Amino acid sequence: MKIEFEAVFKKYEELVKAADAVFEHVSKEHSECVKCKIECSDCCHAIFDLTLIEAIYINHKFNEKIKGNDKEVIIKKANDIDRQIHKIKRKAYKELEAGSGEDEILAKLAGERVRCPFLNYKDSCDLYEYRPITCRFYGIPTSIGGVGHTCGKSGFIKGEKYPTVNLDIIHGRLQQISADFVKEIRTEYIKLVDMLVPLSMALLTVYDEEYLGIKEDS
């Protein structure tokens, strides 16, 4: 069966639009604190994972918009970066098994710096218009699991109260869109909805019928 992405991509793009509106609102209300500018690539070195729908969306836009040698260069970078991230996560897992606290490990992961495969030599994003939602919130206050975060280059002061984006809610919405998609395609692999991958792996994956577990008679 041919996979129809249009409807689920529309749901995702509506969430992206809402995310951009929130960032714009906070930027206007606290313009003295938001330091985002062209060629600032601090957020382009953070490690984070994508849900199924965001991974498929960015993979689709990457293959649609980037061609030829430019695509080959990004694929090579993605391969190298994916191996790097695998080593970092493997080390973190071993530390967890050895008894290190989860908060301690997460703090270490937050401090890791890995260059995004879309970040070019001019320190700009090769797929900026279709960048992940996590990238769109970078630079304003966010929270994960009740713990606040903000860009180290921003002017937001620790302990002060600011509008804060609850990324757990955003993640939950992304998971729901992914769940709706998994249900719609009637996949054999229902656990796909729980899949989380770094952007590098999303670029290297072929999201075809075989990968998604879709039977021919679906």
N, C-alpha and C. Protein backbone atom coordinates (compact mmCIF):
# COMPACT_ATOMS: atom_id res chain seq x y z
N MET A 1 0.83 -1.20 0.00
CA MET A 1 0.00 0.00 0.00
C MET A 1 0.86 1.25 0.00
N LYS A 2 0.40 2.29 -0.66
CA LYS A 2 1.12 3.55 -0.66
C LYS A 2 0.82 4.27 0.65
N ILE A 3 1.90 4.73 1.30
CA ILE A 3 1.72 5.42 2.58
C ILE A 3 1.33 6.87 2.33
N GLU A 4 0.23 7.29 2.92
CA GLU A 4 -0.24 8.66 2.79
C GLU A 4 0.20 9.46 4.01
N PHE A 5 1.05 10.43 3.79
CA PHE A 5 1.60 11.23 4.89
C PHE A 5 0.92 12.60 5.03
N GLU A 6 0.17 13.02 4.04
CA GLU A 6 -0.33 14.39 4.00
C GLU A 6 -1.11 14.78 5.25
N ALA A 7 -2.04 13.93 5.68
CA ALA A 7 -2.89 14.28 6.82
C ALA A 7 -2.10 14.36 8.12
N VAL A 8 -1.22 13.39 8.34
CA VAL A 8 -0.45 13.37 9.58
C VAL A 8 0.61 14.48 9.57
N PHE A 9 1.16 14.80 8.40
CA PHE A 9 2.11 15.91 8.31
C PHE A 9 1.41 17.23 8.62
N LYS A 10 0.16 17.35 8.22
CA LYS A 10 -0.60 18.57 8.50
C LYS A 10 -0.77 18.76 10.01
N LYS A 11 -1.05 17.67 10.72
CA LYS A 11 -1.17 17.74 12.19
C LYS A 11 0.15 18.19 12.80
N TYR A 12 1.24 17.63 12.30
CA TYR A 12 2.56 17.99 12.81
C TYR A 12 2.86 19.46 12.53
N GLU A 13 2.56 19.91 11.32
CA GLU A 13 2.85 21.29 10.94
C GLU A 13 2.02 22.29 11.75
N GLU A 14 0.82 21.89 12.17
CA GLU A 14 0.01 22.75 13.04
C GLU A 14 0.69 22.93 14.39
N LEU A 15 1.31 21.85 14.89
CA LEU A 15 2.04 21.93 16.16
C LEU A 15 3.28 22.81 15.99
N VAL A 16 3.96 22.70 14.87
CA VAL A 16 5.12 23.53 14.56
C VAL A 16 4.71 25.01 14.55
N LYS A 17 3.59 25.30 13.90
CA LYS A 17 3.10 26.67 13.83
C LYS A 17 2.83 27.23 15.22
N ALA A 18 2.24 26.41 16.08
CA ALA A 18 1.96 26.84 17.45
C ALA A 18 3.26 27.07 18.22
N ALA A 19 4.24 26.21 18.00
CA ALA A 19 5.54 26.36 18.66
C ALA A 19 6.21 27.67 18.25
N ASP A 20 6.17 27.97 16.97
CA ASP A 20 6.77 29.22 16.48
C ASP A 20 6.06 30.44 17.07
N ALA A 21 4.74 30.34 17.23
CA ALA A 21 3.97 31.45 17.80
C ALA A 21 4.36 31.69 19.26
N VAL A 22 4.58 30.62 20.00
CA VAL A 22 4.99 30.73 21.40
C VAL A 22 6.37 31.38 21.49
N PHE A 23 7.29 30.92 20.64
CA PHE A 23 8.64 31.50 20.67
C PHE A 23 8.59 32.99 20.34
N GLU A 24 7.81 33.34 19.33
CA GLU A 24 7.70 34.75 18.94
C GLU A 24 7.12 35.59 20.07
N HIS A 25 6.12 35.05 20.77
CA HIS A 25 5.49 35.79 21.88
C HIS A 25 6.49 36.04 23.00
N VAL A 26 7.21 35.00 23.41
CA VAL A 26 8.18 35.16 24.50
C VAL A 26 9.31 36.09 24.06
N SER A 27 9.72 35.99 22.80
CA SER A 27 10.79 36.85 22.29
C SER A 27 10.39 38.32 22.36
N LYS A 28 9.13 38.61 22.06
CA LYS A 28 8.67 40.00 22.11
C LYS A 28 8.53 40.49 23.54
N GLU A 29 8.02 39.62 24.42
CA GLU A 29 7.81 40.00 25.82
C GLU A 29 9.13 40.15 26.58
N HIS A 30 10.14 39.38 26.17
CA HIS A 30 11.43 39.40 26.87
C HIS A 30 12.57 39.52 25.85
N SER A 31 12.47 40.53 25.02
CA SER A 31 13.45 40.72 23.94
C SER A 31 14.87 40.92 24.47
N GLU A 32 14.97 41.47 25.69
CA GLU A 32 16.29 41.69 26.27
C GLU A 32 16.96 40.39 26.71
N CYS A 33 16.18 39.32 26.81
CA CYS A 33 16.72 38.04 27.30
C CYS A 33 17.00 37.04 26.18
N VAL A 34 16.23 37.15 25.10
CA VAL A 34 16.39 36.18 23.99
C VAL A 34 17.51 36.68 23.08
N LYS A 35 18.59 35.91 23.02
CA LYS A 35 19.79 36.34 22.30
C LYS A 35 19.98 35.61 20.97
N CYS A 36 18.96 34.91 20.49
CA CYS A 36 19.08 34.17 19.22
C CYS A 36 19.37 35.13 18.07
N LYS A 37 20.31 34.75 17.21
CA LYS A 37 20.66 35.58 16.06
C LYS A 37 21.27 34.69 14.97
N ILE A 38 21.37 35.25 13.78
CA ILE A 38 21.96 34.51 12.66
C ILE A 38 23.40 34.13 12.99
N GLU A 39 23.76 32.89 12.66
CA GLU A 39 25.08 32.31 12.87
C GLU A 39 25.37 31.97 14.33
N CYS A 40 24.38 32.10 15.21
CA CYS A 40 24.53 31.54 16.56
C CYS A 40 24.09 30.09 16.47
N SER A 41 24.99 29.17 16.73
CA SER A 41 24.69 27.75 16.54
C SER A 41 24.77 26.95 17.83
N ASP A 42 24.59 27.62 18.97
CA ASP A 42 24.69 26.93 20.25
C ASP A 42 23.70 25.76 20.32
N CYS A 43 22.48 25.98 19.85
CA CYS A 43 21.46 24.93 19.91
C CYS A 43 21.74 23.79 18.95
N CYS A 44 22.63 24.02 17.99
CA CYS A 44 22.91 23.01 16.96
C CYS A 44 23.91 21.96 17.43
N HIS A 45 24.24 21.98 18.71
CA HIS A 45 25.17 20.99 19.28
C HIS A 45 24.54 20.19 20.42
N ALA A 46 23.23 20.36 20.62
CA ALA A 46 22.53 19.66 21.69
C ALA A 46 22.13 18.25 21.25
N ILE A 47 22.13 17.31 22.20
CA ILE A 47 21.68 15.95 21.91
C ILE A 47 20.22 15.80 22.34
N PHE A 48 19.37 15.40 21.41
CA PHE A 48 17.97 15.13 21.74
C PHE A 48 17.43 14.14 20.72
N ASP A 49 16.30 13.53 21.06
CA ASP A 49 15.71 12.51 20.18
C ASP A 49 14.41 13.00 19.56
N LEU A 50 14.03 12.38 18.47
CA LEU A 50 12.80 12.69 17.76
C LEU A 50 11.79 11.56 17.92
N THR A 51 10.51 11.91 18.01
CA THR A 51 9.46 10.91 17.99
C THR A 51 9.28 10.41 16.55
N LEU A 52 8.50 9.36 16.39
CA LEU A 52 8.31 8.75 15.07
C LEU A 52 7.87 9.76 14.02
N ILE A 53 6.82 10.52 14.32
CA ILE A 53 6.27 11.41 13.29
C ILE A 53 7.26 12.50 12.91
N GLU A 54 8.00 13.03 13.88
CA GLU A 54 8.96 14.08 13.55
C GLU A 54 10.14 13.53 12.77
N ALA A 55 10.56 12.31 13.11
CA ALA A 55 11.65 11.66 12.38
C ALA A 55 11.26 11.44 10.92
N ILE A 56 10.05 10.95 10.69
CA ILE A 56 9.58 10.70 9.32
C ILE A 56 9.43 12.02 8.56
N TYR A 57 8.89 13.04 9.20
CA TYR A 57 8.68 14.34 8.56
C TYR A 57 10.01 14.94 8.11
N ILE A 58 10.99 14.96 9.00
CA ILE A 58 12.27 15.58 8.67
C ILE A 58 13.01 14.74 7.61
N ASN A 59 12.90 13.42 7.70
CA ASN A 59 13.47 12.55 6.68
C ASN A 59 12.86 12.86 5.31
N HIS A 60 11.54 13.03 5.29
CA HIS A 60 10.83 13.32 4.05
C HIS A 60 11.28 14.66 3.46
N LYS A 61 11.36 15.69 4.29
CA LYS A 61 11.75 17.01 3.81
C LYS A 61 13.21 17.03 3.37
N PHE A 62 14.05 16.29 4.06
CA PHE A 62 15.47 16.19 3.70
C PHE A 62 15.61 15.59 2.30
N ASN A 63 14.93 14.48 2.06
CA ASN A 63 15.00 13.83 0.75
C ASN A 63 14.33 14.64 -0.35
N GLU A 64 13.36 15.44 0.01
CA GLU A 64 12.64 16.27 -0.95
C GLU A 64 13.41 17.53 -1.32
N LYS A 65 14.07 18.14 -0.35
CA LYS A 65 14.66 19.46 -0.56
C LYS A 65 16.16 19.45 -0.86
N ILE A 66 16.88 18.44 -0.43
CA ILE A 66 18.33 18.44 -0.59
C ILE A 66 18.76 17.32 -1.53
N LYS A 67 19.54 17.69 -2.54
CA LYS A 67 19.90 16.75 -3.59
C LYS A 67 21.42 16.73 -3.84
N GLY A 68 21.84 15.76 -4.65
CA GLY A 68 23.21 15.72 -5.15
C GLY A 68 24.29 15.66 -4.09
N ASN A 69 25.37 16.41 -4.34
CA ASN A 69 26.52 16.39 -3.45
C ASN A 69 26.19 16.91 -2.06
N ASP A 70 25.32 17.91 -1.99
CA ASP A 70 24.92 18.45 -0.69
C ASP A 70 24.31 17.36 0.18
N LYS A 71 23.49 16.51 -0.44
CA LYS A 71 22.86 15.41 0.29
C LYS A 71 23.90 14.39 0.73
N GLU A 72 24.84 14.07 -0.14
CA GLU A 72 25.88 13.10 0.20
C GLU A 72 26.73 13.57 1.37
N VAL A 73 27.04 14.87 1.38
CA VAL A 73 27.84 15.44 2.48
C VAL A 73 27.10 15.30 3.80
N ILE A 74 25.80 15.61 3.80
CA ILE A 74 25.01 15.54 5.03
C ILE A 74 24.86 14.09 5.49
N ILE A 75 24.67 13.17 4.56
CA ILE A 75 24.57 11.75 4.92
C ILE A 75 25.86 11.27 5.57
N LYS A 76 27.00 11.67 5.03
CA LYS A 76 28.29 11.29 5.63
C LYS A 76 28.41 11.84 7.04
N LYS A 77 28.03 13.10 7.21
CA LYS A 77 28.08 13.69 8.55
C LYS A 77 27.14 12.97 9.49
N ALA A 78 25.95 12.62 9.00
CA ALA A 78 24.97 11.92 9.84
C ALA A 78 25.51 10.57 10.30
N ASN A 79 26.20 9.85 9.42
CA ASN A 79 26.80 8.57 9.79
C ASN A 79 27.82 8.74 10.90
N ASP A 80 28.70 9.71 10.74
CA ASP A 80 29.74 9.95 11.75
C ASP A 80 29.13 10.37 13.08
N ILE A 81 28.14 11.26 13.01
CA ILE A 81 27.49 11.77 14.21
C ILE A 81 26.71 10.68 14.92
N ASP A 82 26.06 9.81 14.15
CA ASP A 82 25.27 8.75 14.76
C ASP A 82 26.16 7.80 15.56
N ARG A 83 27.33 7.50 15.04
CA ARG A 83 28.28 6.66 15.79
C ARG A 83 28.73 7.36 17.07
N GLN A 84 28.95 8.66 16.97
CA GLN A 84 29.36 9.44 18.13
C GLN A 84 28.28 9.42 19.21
N ILE A 85 27.03 9.65 18.81
CA ILE A 85 25.93 9.65 19.76
C ILE A 85 25.74 8.27 20.38
N HIS A 86 25.91 7.22 19.57
CA HIS A 86 25.78 5.86 20.09
C HIS A 86 26.79 5.61 21.21
N LYS A 87 28.02 6.07 21.03
CA LYS A 87 29.05 5.89 22.06
C LYS A 87 28.70 6.66 23.34
N ILE A 88 28.19 7.86 23.17
CA ILE A 88 27.81 8.67 24.33
C ILE A 88 26.68 8.01 25.11
N LYS A 89 25.67 7.51 24.39
CA LYS A 89 24.52 6.88 25.05
C LYS A 89 24.92 5.55 25.68
N ARG A 90 25.81 4.82 25.04
CA ARG A 90 26.28 3.55 25.59
C ARG A 90 27.03 3.78 26.90
N LYS A 91 27.85 4.82 26.92
CA LYS A 91 28.57 5.16 28.14
C LYS A 91 27.60 5.53 29.26
N ALA A 92 26.57 6.31 28.90
CA ALA A 92 25.56 6.71 29.89
C ALA A 92 24.83 5.49 30.44
N TYR A 93 24.50 4.54 29.56
CA TYR A 93 23.80 3.33 29.99
C TYR A 93 24.66 2.52 30.96
N LYS A 94 25.95 2.42 30.67
CA LYS A 94 26.86 1.68 31.55
C LYS A 94 26.95 2.35 32.92
N GLU A 95 26.95 3.68 32.92
CA GLU A 95 27.01 4.42 34.19
C GLU A 95 25.73 4.19 35.00
N LEU A 96 24.61 4.11 34.30
CA LEU A 96 23.33 3.84 34.97
C LEU A 96 23.35 2.44 35.59
N GLU A 97 23.85 1.48 34.84
CA GLU A 97 23.96 0.10 35.35
C GLU A 97 24.90 0.02 36.54
N ALA A 98 25.91 0.88 36.55
CA ALA A 98 26.90 0.87 37.63
C ALA A 98 26.40 1.58 38.88
N GLY A 99 25.22 2.20 38.79
CA GLY A 99 24.63 2.80 39.98
C GLY A 99 24.56 4.31 40.00
N SER A 100 25.00 4.96 38.94
CA SER A 100 24.91 6.42 38.89
C SER A 100 23.44 6.84 38.83
N GLY A 101 23.12 7.98 39.43
CA GLY A 101 21.74 8.46 39.45
C GLY A 101 21.30 8.96 38.07
N GLU A 102 20.01 8.81 37.80
CA GLU A 102 19.48 9.23 36.50
C GLU A 102 19.65 10.73 36.28
N ASP A 103 19.42 11.53 37.32
CA ASP A 103 19.57 12.98 37.19
C ASP A 103 21.01 13.36 36.86
N GLU A 104 21.94 12.66 37.48
CA GLU A 104 23.37 12.92 37.23
C GLU A 104 23.72 12.60 35.78
N ILE A 105 23.21 11.49 35.29
CA ILE A 105 23.50 11.07 33.91
C ILE A 105 22.88 12.04 32.92
N LEU A 106 21.63 12.45 33.17
CA LEU A 106 20.96 13.40 32.28
C LEU A 106 21.70 14.73 32.24
N ALA A 107 22.23 15.13 33.38
CA ALA A 107 22.99 16.39 33.43
C ALA A 107 24.25 16.28 32.58
N LYS A 108 24.89 15.12 32.62
CA LYS A 108 26.09 14.91 31.80
C LYS A 108 25.74 14.92 30.31
N LEU A 109 24.63 14.27 29.98
CA LEU A 109 24.20 14.23 28.58
C LEU A 109 23.88 15.64 28.06
N ALA A 110 23.29 16.45 28.93
CA ALA A 110 22.95 17.82 28.55
C ALA A 110 24.21 18.65 28.26
N GLY A 111 25.32 18.23 28.85
CA GLY A 111 26.58 18.94 28.65
C GLY A 111 27.37 18.47 27.44
N GLU A 112 26.95 17.36 26.84
CA GLU A 112 27.64 16.85 25.66
C GLU A 112 27.39 17.75 24.46
N ARG A 113 28.38 17.88 23.61
CA ARG A 113 28.28 18.74 22.42
C ARG A 113 28.51 17.89 21.17
N VAL A 114 27.49 17.78 20.35
CA VAL A 114 27.58 17.03 19.10
C VAL A 114 27.02 17.90 17.97
N ARG A 115 27.80 18.15 16.97
CA ARG A 115 27.41 19.05 15.88
C ARG A 115 26.32 18.41 15.01
N CYS A 116 25.23 19.13 14.78
CA CYS A 116 24.12 18.64 13.97
C CYS A 116 24.56 18.47 12.52
N PRO A 117 24.13 17.39 11.84
CA PRO A 117 24.52 17.19 10.44
C PRO A 117 24.00 18.28 9.50
N PHE A 118 22.99 19.02 9.91
CA PHE A 118 22.47 20.10 9.08
C PHE A 118 23.24 21.41 9.25
N LEU A 119 24.12 21.47 10.24
CA LEU A 119 24.87 22.70 10.48
C LEU A 119 26.03 22.78 9.48
N ASN A 120 25.98 23.75 8.58
CA ASN A 120 27.00 23.84 7.53
C ASN A 120 28.20 24.68 7.97
N TYR A 121 29.17 24.84 7.06
CA TYR A 121 30.41 25.54 7.41
C TYR A 121 30.20 27.02 7.69
N LYS A 122 29.03 27.55 7.29
CA LYS A 122 28.70 28.95 7.57
C LYS A 122 27.98 29.11 8.91
N ASP A 123 27.88 28.00 9.65
CA ASP A 123 27.15 27.97 10.93
C ASP A 123 25.69 28.34 10.75
N SER A 124 25.10 27.88 9.65
CA SER A 124 23.66 28.03 9.44
C SER A 124 23.08 26.66 9.11
N CYS A 125 21.77 26.53 9.26
CA CYS A 125 21.09 25.24 9.11
C CYS A 125 20.68 25.00 7.66
N ASP A 126 21.03 23.83 7.12
CA ASP A 126 20.70 23.50 5.75
C ASP A 126 19.23 23.12 5.56
N LEU A 127 18.50 22.92 6.66
CA LEU A 127 17.08 22.59 6.56
C LEU A 127 16.30 23.40 7.58
N TYR A 128 16.66 24.67 7.72
CA TYR A 128 16.13 25.52 8.78
C TYR A 128 14.61 25.58 8.81
N GLU A 129 13.99 25.71 7.66
CA GLU A 129 12.54 25.85 7.60
C GLU A 129 11.82 24.64 8.19
N TYR A 130 12.49 23.48 8.16
CA TYR A 130 11.85 22.23 8.61
C TYR A 130 12.57 21.64 9.82
N ARG A 131 13.27 22.46 10.57
CA ARG A 131 14.01 22.00 11.75
C ARG A 131 13.06 21.44 12.81
N PRO A 132 13.56 20.58 13.70
CA PRO A 132 12.72 19.98 14.75
C PRO A 132 12.12 21.02 15.70
N ILE A 133 11.07 20.63 16.38
CA ILE A 133 10.40 21.52 17.34
C ILE A 133 11.32 21.87 18.50
N THR A 134 12.15 20.94 18.94
CA THR A 134 13.10 21.22 20.02
C THR A 134 13.98 22.42 19.66
N CYS A 135 14.42 22.48 18.42
CA CYS A 135 15.26 23.60 17.96
C CYS A 135 14.49 24.92 18.02
N ARG A 136 13.19 24.85 17.77
CA ARG A 136 12.37 26.06 17.70
C ARG A 136 12.15 26.69 19.07
N PHE A 137 12.28 25.90 20.14
CA PHE A 137 12.10 26.43 21.49
C PHE A 137 13.41 26.84 22.15
N TYR A 138 14.51 26.45 21.54
CA TYR A 138 15.81 26.76 22.14
C TYR A 138 15.99 28.28 22.19
N GLY A 139 16.41 28.77 23.32
CA GLY A 139 16.61 30.21 23.48
C GLY A 139 15.59 30.86 24.41
N ILE A 140 14.48 30.11 24.69
CA ILE A 140 13.50 30.59 25.68
C ILE A 140 13.38 29.52 26.78
N PRO A 141 12.85 29.88 27.96
CA PRO A 141 12.76 28.92 29.06
C PRO A 141 11.86 27.71 28.74
N THR A 142 12.35 26.53 29.06
CA THR A 142 11.58 25.30 28.90
C THR A 142 11.73 24.47 30.17
N SER A 143 10.88 23.44 30.29
CA SER A 143 11.02 22.52 31.42
C SER A 143 10.79 21.11 30.93
N ILE A 144 11.52 20.17 31.54
CA ILE A 144 11.37 18.74 31.27
C ILE A 144 11.33 18.03 32.62
N GLY A 145 10.27 17.30 32.86
CA GLY A 145 10.16 16.61 34.14
C GLY A 145 10.18 17.54 35.33
N GLY A 146 9.69 18.76 35.12
CA GLY A 146 9.64 19.73 36.21
C GLY A 146 10.93 20.49 36.43
N VAL A 147 11.95 20.19 35.63
CA VAL A 147 13.25 20.87 35.76
C VAL A 147 13.39 21.90 34.65
N GLY A 148 13.68 23.14 35.03
CA GLY A 148 13.77 24.21 34.06
C GLY A 148 15.09 24.23 33.31
N HIS A 149 15.05 24.69 32.07
CA HIS A 149 16.25 24.80 31.24
C HIS A 149 16.15 26.08 30.41
N THR A 150 17.30 26.64 30.08
CA THR A 150 17.32 27.74 29.11
C THR A 150 18.70 27.81 28.50
N CYS A 151 18.80 28.49 27.38
CA CYS A 151 20.07 28.64 26.68
C CYS A 151 21.06 29.40 27.54
N GLY A 152 22.30 28.91 27.60
CA GLY A 152 23.32 29.56 28.41
C GLY A 152 23.71 30.94 27.90
N LYS A 153 23.39 31.22 26.65
CA LYS A 153 23.71 32.52 26.06
C LYS A 153 22.60 33.55 26.26
N SER A 154 21.46 33.08 26.79
CA SER A 154 20.32 33.99 26.97
C SER A 154 20.53 34.89 28.18
N GLY A 155 19.61 35.85 28.33
CA GLY A 155 19.68 36.75 29.47
C GLY A 155 18.71 36.39 30.57
N PHE A 156 18.09 35.23 30.49
CA PHE A 156 17.15 34.81 31.53
C PHE A 156 17.90 34.50 32.81
N ILE A 157 17.40 35.02 33.93
CA ILE A 157 18.08 34.91 35.22
C ILE A 157 17.51 33.74 36.02
N LYS A 158 18.39 32.88 36.51
CA LYS A 158 17.97 31.73 37.30
C LYS A 158 17.23 32.19 38.56
N GLY A 159 16.09 31.59 38.82
CA GLY A 159 15.30 31.93 40.00
C GLY A 159 14.18 32.91 39.71
N GLU A 160 14.29 33.63 38.60
CA GLU A 160 13.23 34.55 38.20
C GLU A 160 12.12 33.79 37.48
N LYS A 161 10.92 34.36 37.48
CA LYS A 161 9.79 33.71 36.82
C LYS A 161 9.60 34.26 35.41
N TYR A 162 9.51 33.32 34.46
CA TYR A 162 9.30 33.67 33.06
C TYR A 162 8.29 32.69 32.45
N PRO A 163 7.66 33.06 31.34
CA PRO A 163 6.83 32.08 30.63
C PRO A 163 7.71 30.89 30.24
N THR A 164 7.25 29.70 30.56
CA THR A 164 8.07 28.50 30.35
C THR A 164 7.30 27.45 29.56
N VAL A 165 7.94 26.90 28.54
CA VAL A 165 7.33 25.86 27.72
C VAL A 165 7.55 24.50 28.37
N ASN A 166 6.44 23.80 28.65
CA ASN A 166 6.52 22.46 29.22
C ASN A 166 6.74 21.47 28.08
N LEU A 167 7.97 21.02 27.92
CA LEU A 167 8.28 20.12 26.81
C LEU A 167 7.66 18.74 26.97
N ASP A 168 7.28 18.38 28.19
CA ASP A 168 6.58 17.11 28.40
C ASP A 168 5.23 17.12 27.67
N ILE A 169 4.56 18.27 27.70
CA ILE A 169 3.29 18.40 26.99
C ILE A 169 3.51 18.33 25.48
N ILE A 170 4.55 19.00 25.00
CA ILE A 170 4.87 18.97 23.57
C ILE A 170 5.20 17.55 23.14
N HIS A 171 6.00 16.87 23.93
CA HIS A 171 6.36 15.49 23.62
C HIS A 171 5.11 14.60 23.59
N GLY A 172 4.21 14.83 24.54
CA GLY A 172 2.97 14.05 24.59
C GLY A 172 2.13 14.26 23.34
N ARG A 173 2.11 15.50 22.84
CA ARG A 173 1.36 15.78 21.61
C ARG A 173 2.01 15.08 20.41
N LEU A 174 3.32 15.10 20.35
CA LEU A 174 4.03 14.41 19.27
C LEU A 174 3.78 12.90 19.34
N GLN A 175 3.76 12.37 20.55
CA GLN A 175 3.49 10.94 20.72
C GLN A 175 2.07 10.60 20.25
N GLN A 176 1.12 11.50 20.52
CA GLN A 176 -0.26 11.25 20.12
C GLN A 176 -0.39 11.27 18.59
N ILE A 177 0.28 12.21 17.94
CA ILE A 177 0.25 12.25 16.49
C ILE A 177 0.87 10.98 15.92
N SER A 178 1.97 10.54 16.53
CA SER A 178 2.62 9.30 16.10
C SER A 178 1.69 8.11 16.30
N ALA A 179 0.99 8.08 17.43
CA ALA A 179 0.06 6.98 17.73
C ALA A 179 -1.09 6.94 16.72
N ASP A 180 -1.60 8.10 16.36
CA ASP A 180 -2.67 8.17 15.37
C ASP A 180 -2.20 7.62 14.02
N PHE A 181 -0.96 7.96 13.67
CA PHE A 181 -0.39 7.49 12.41
C PHE A 181 -0.20 5.98 12.42
N VAL A 182 0.34 5.45 13.52
CA VAL A 182 0.57 4.01 13.64
C VAL A 182 -0.75 3.25 13.54
N LYS A 183 -1.77 3.78 14.16
CA LYS A 183 -3.10 3.14 14.09
C LYS A 183 -3.64 3.17 12.67
N GLU A 184 -3.44 4.28 11.99
CA GLU A 184 -3.97 4.45 10.64
C GLU A 184 -3.33 3.49 9.63
N ILE A 185 -2.02 3.28 9.75
CA ILE A 185 -1.34 2.43 8.77
C ILE A 185 -1.45 0.95 9.10
N ARG A 186 -2.03 0.63 10.27
CA ARG A 186 -2.25 -0.76 10.69
C ARG A 186 -0.96 -1.59 10.61
N THR A 187 0.08 -1.06 11.21
CA THR A 187 1.37 -1.72 11.21
C THR A 187 1.40 -2.96 12.09
N GLU A 188 2.29 -3.87 11.75
CA GLU A 188 2.56 -5.03 12.61
C GLU A 188 3.39 -4.63 13.82
N TYR A 189 4.05 -3.49 13.71
CA TYR A 189 4.98 -3.06 14.75
C TYR A 189 4.35 -1.93 15.58
N ILE A 190 3.47 -2.27 16.48
CA ILE A 190 2.76 -1.25 17.25
C ILE A 190 3.69 -0.46 18.18
N LYS A 191 4.84 -1.04 18.49
CA LYS A 191 5.79 -0.36 19.37
C LYS A 191 6.53 0.78 18.66
N LEU A 192 6.27 0.93 17.37
CA LEU A 192 6.88 2.04 16.64
C LEU A 192 6.55 3.38 17.29
N VAL A 193 5.38 3.45 17.90
CA VAL A 193 4.94 4.71 18.50
C VAL A 193 5.88 5.14 19.63
N ASP A 194 6.59 4.19 20.22
CA ASP A 194 7.49 4.52 21.33
C ASP A 194 8.91 4.83 20.85
N MET A 195 9.11 4.78 19.54
CA MET A 195 10.44 4.97 18.99
C MET A 195 10.94 6.40 19.19
N LEU A 196 12.17 6.51 19.65
CA LEU A 196 12.85 7.81 19.77
C LEU A 196 14.23 7.66 19.15
N VAL A 197 14.58 8.54 18.22
CA VAL A 197 15.88 8.44 17.56
C VAL A 197 16.49 9.83 17.41
N PRO A 198 17.83 9.91 17.40
CA PRO A 198 18.47 11.20 17.13
C PRO A 198 18.24 11.59 15.67
N LEU A 199 18.39 12.86 15.37
CA LEU A 199 18.16 13.34 14.01
C LEU A 199 19.06 12.62 13.01
N SER A 200 20.27 12.32 13.40
CA SER A 200 21.20 11.62 12.50
C SER A 200 20.63 10.30 12.03
N MET A 201 20.05 9.52 12.94
CA MET A 201 19.45 8.24 12.57
C MET A 201 18.21 8.44 11.72
N ALA A 202 17.44 9.48 12.00
CA ALA A 202 16.24 9.77 11.20
C ALA A 202 16.60 10.00 9.74
N LEU A 203 17.75 10.64 9.49
CA LEU A 203 18.18 10.90 8.12
C LEU A 203 18.65 9.64 7.41
N LEU A 204 19.18 8.69 8.16
CA LEU A 204 19.76 7.48 7.58
C LEU A 204 18.73 6.38 7.36
N THR A 205 17.55 6.53 7.94
CA THR A 205 16.51 5.49 7.89
C THR A 205 15.65 5.64 6.64
N VAL A 206 15.25 4.49 6.08
CA VAL A 206 14.31 4.48 4.96
C VAL A 206 12.94 4.10 5.52
N TYR A 207 12.04 5.05 5.59
CA TYR A 207 10.73 4.82 6.19
C TYR A 207 9.75 4.29 5.14
N ASP A 208 10.02 3.08 4.67
CA ASP A 208 9.16 2.47 3.66
C ASP A 208 8.20 1.46 4.31
N GLU A 209 7.44 0.74 3.50
CA GLU A 209 6.43 -0.21 4.00
C GLU A 209 7.07 -1.29 4.86
N GLU A 210 8.25 -1.76 4.43
CA GLU A 210 8.92 -2.83 5.19
C GLU A 210 9.32 -2.33 6.57
N TYR A 211 9.94 -1.15 6.62
CA TYR A 211 10.37 -0.61 7.91
C TYR A 211 9.19 -0.37 8.83
N LEU A 212 8.10 0.15 8.27
CA LEU A 212 6.93 0.49 9.07
C LEU A 212 6.02 -0.70 9.36
N GLY A 213 6.37 -1.86 8.82
CA GLY A 213 5.61 -3.07 9.12
C GLY A 213 4.21 -3.09 8.53
N ILE A 214 4.10 -2.61 7.29
CA ILE A 214 2.80 -2.57 6.63
C ILE A 214 2.65 -3.77 5.70
N LYS A 215 1.61 -4.54 5.88
CA LYS A 215 1.36 -5.68 5.02
C LYS A 215 0.85 -5.22 3.66
N GLU A 216 1.14 -6.01 2.63
CA GLU A 216 0.73 -5.65 1.28
C GLU A 216 -0.78 -5.57 1.11
N ASP A 217 -1.50 -6.37 1.89
CA ASP A 217 -2.97 -6.38 1.76
C ASP A 217 -3.65 -5.40 2.70
N SER A 218 -2.85 -4.50 3.32
CA SER A 218 -3.43 -3.52 4.25
C SER A 218 -4.29 -2.52 3.51
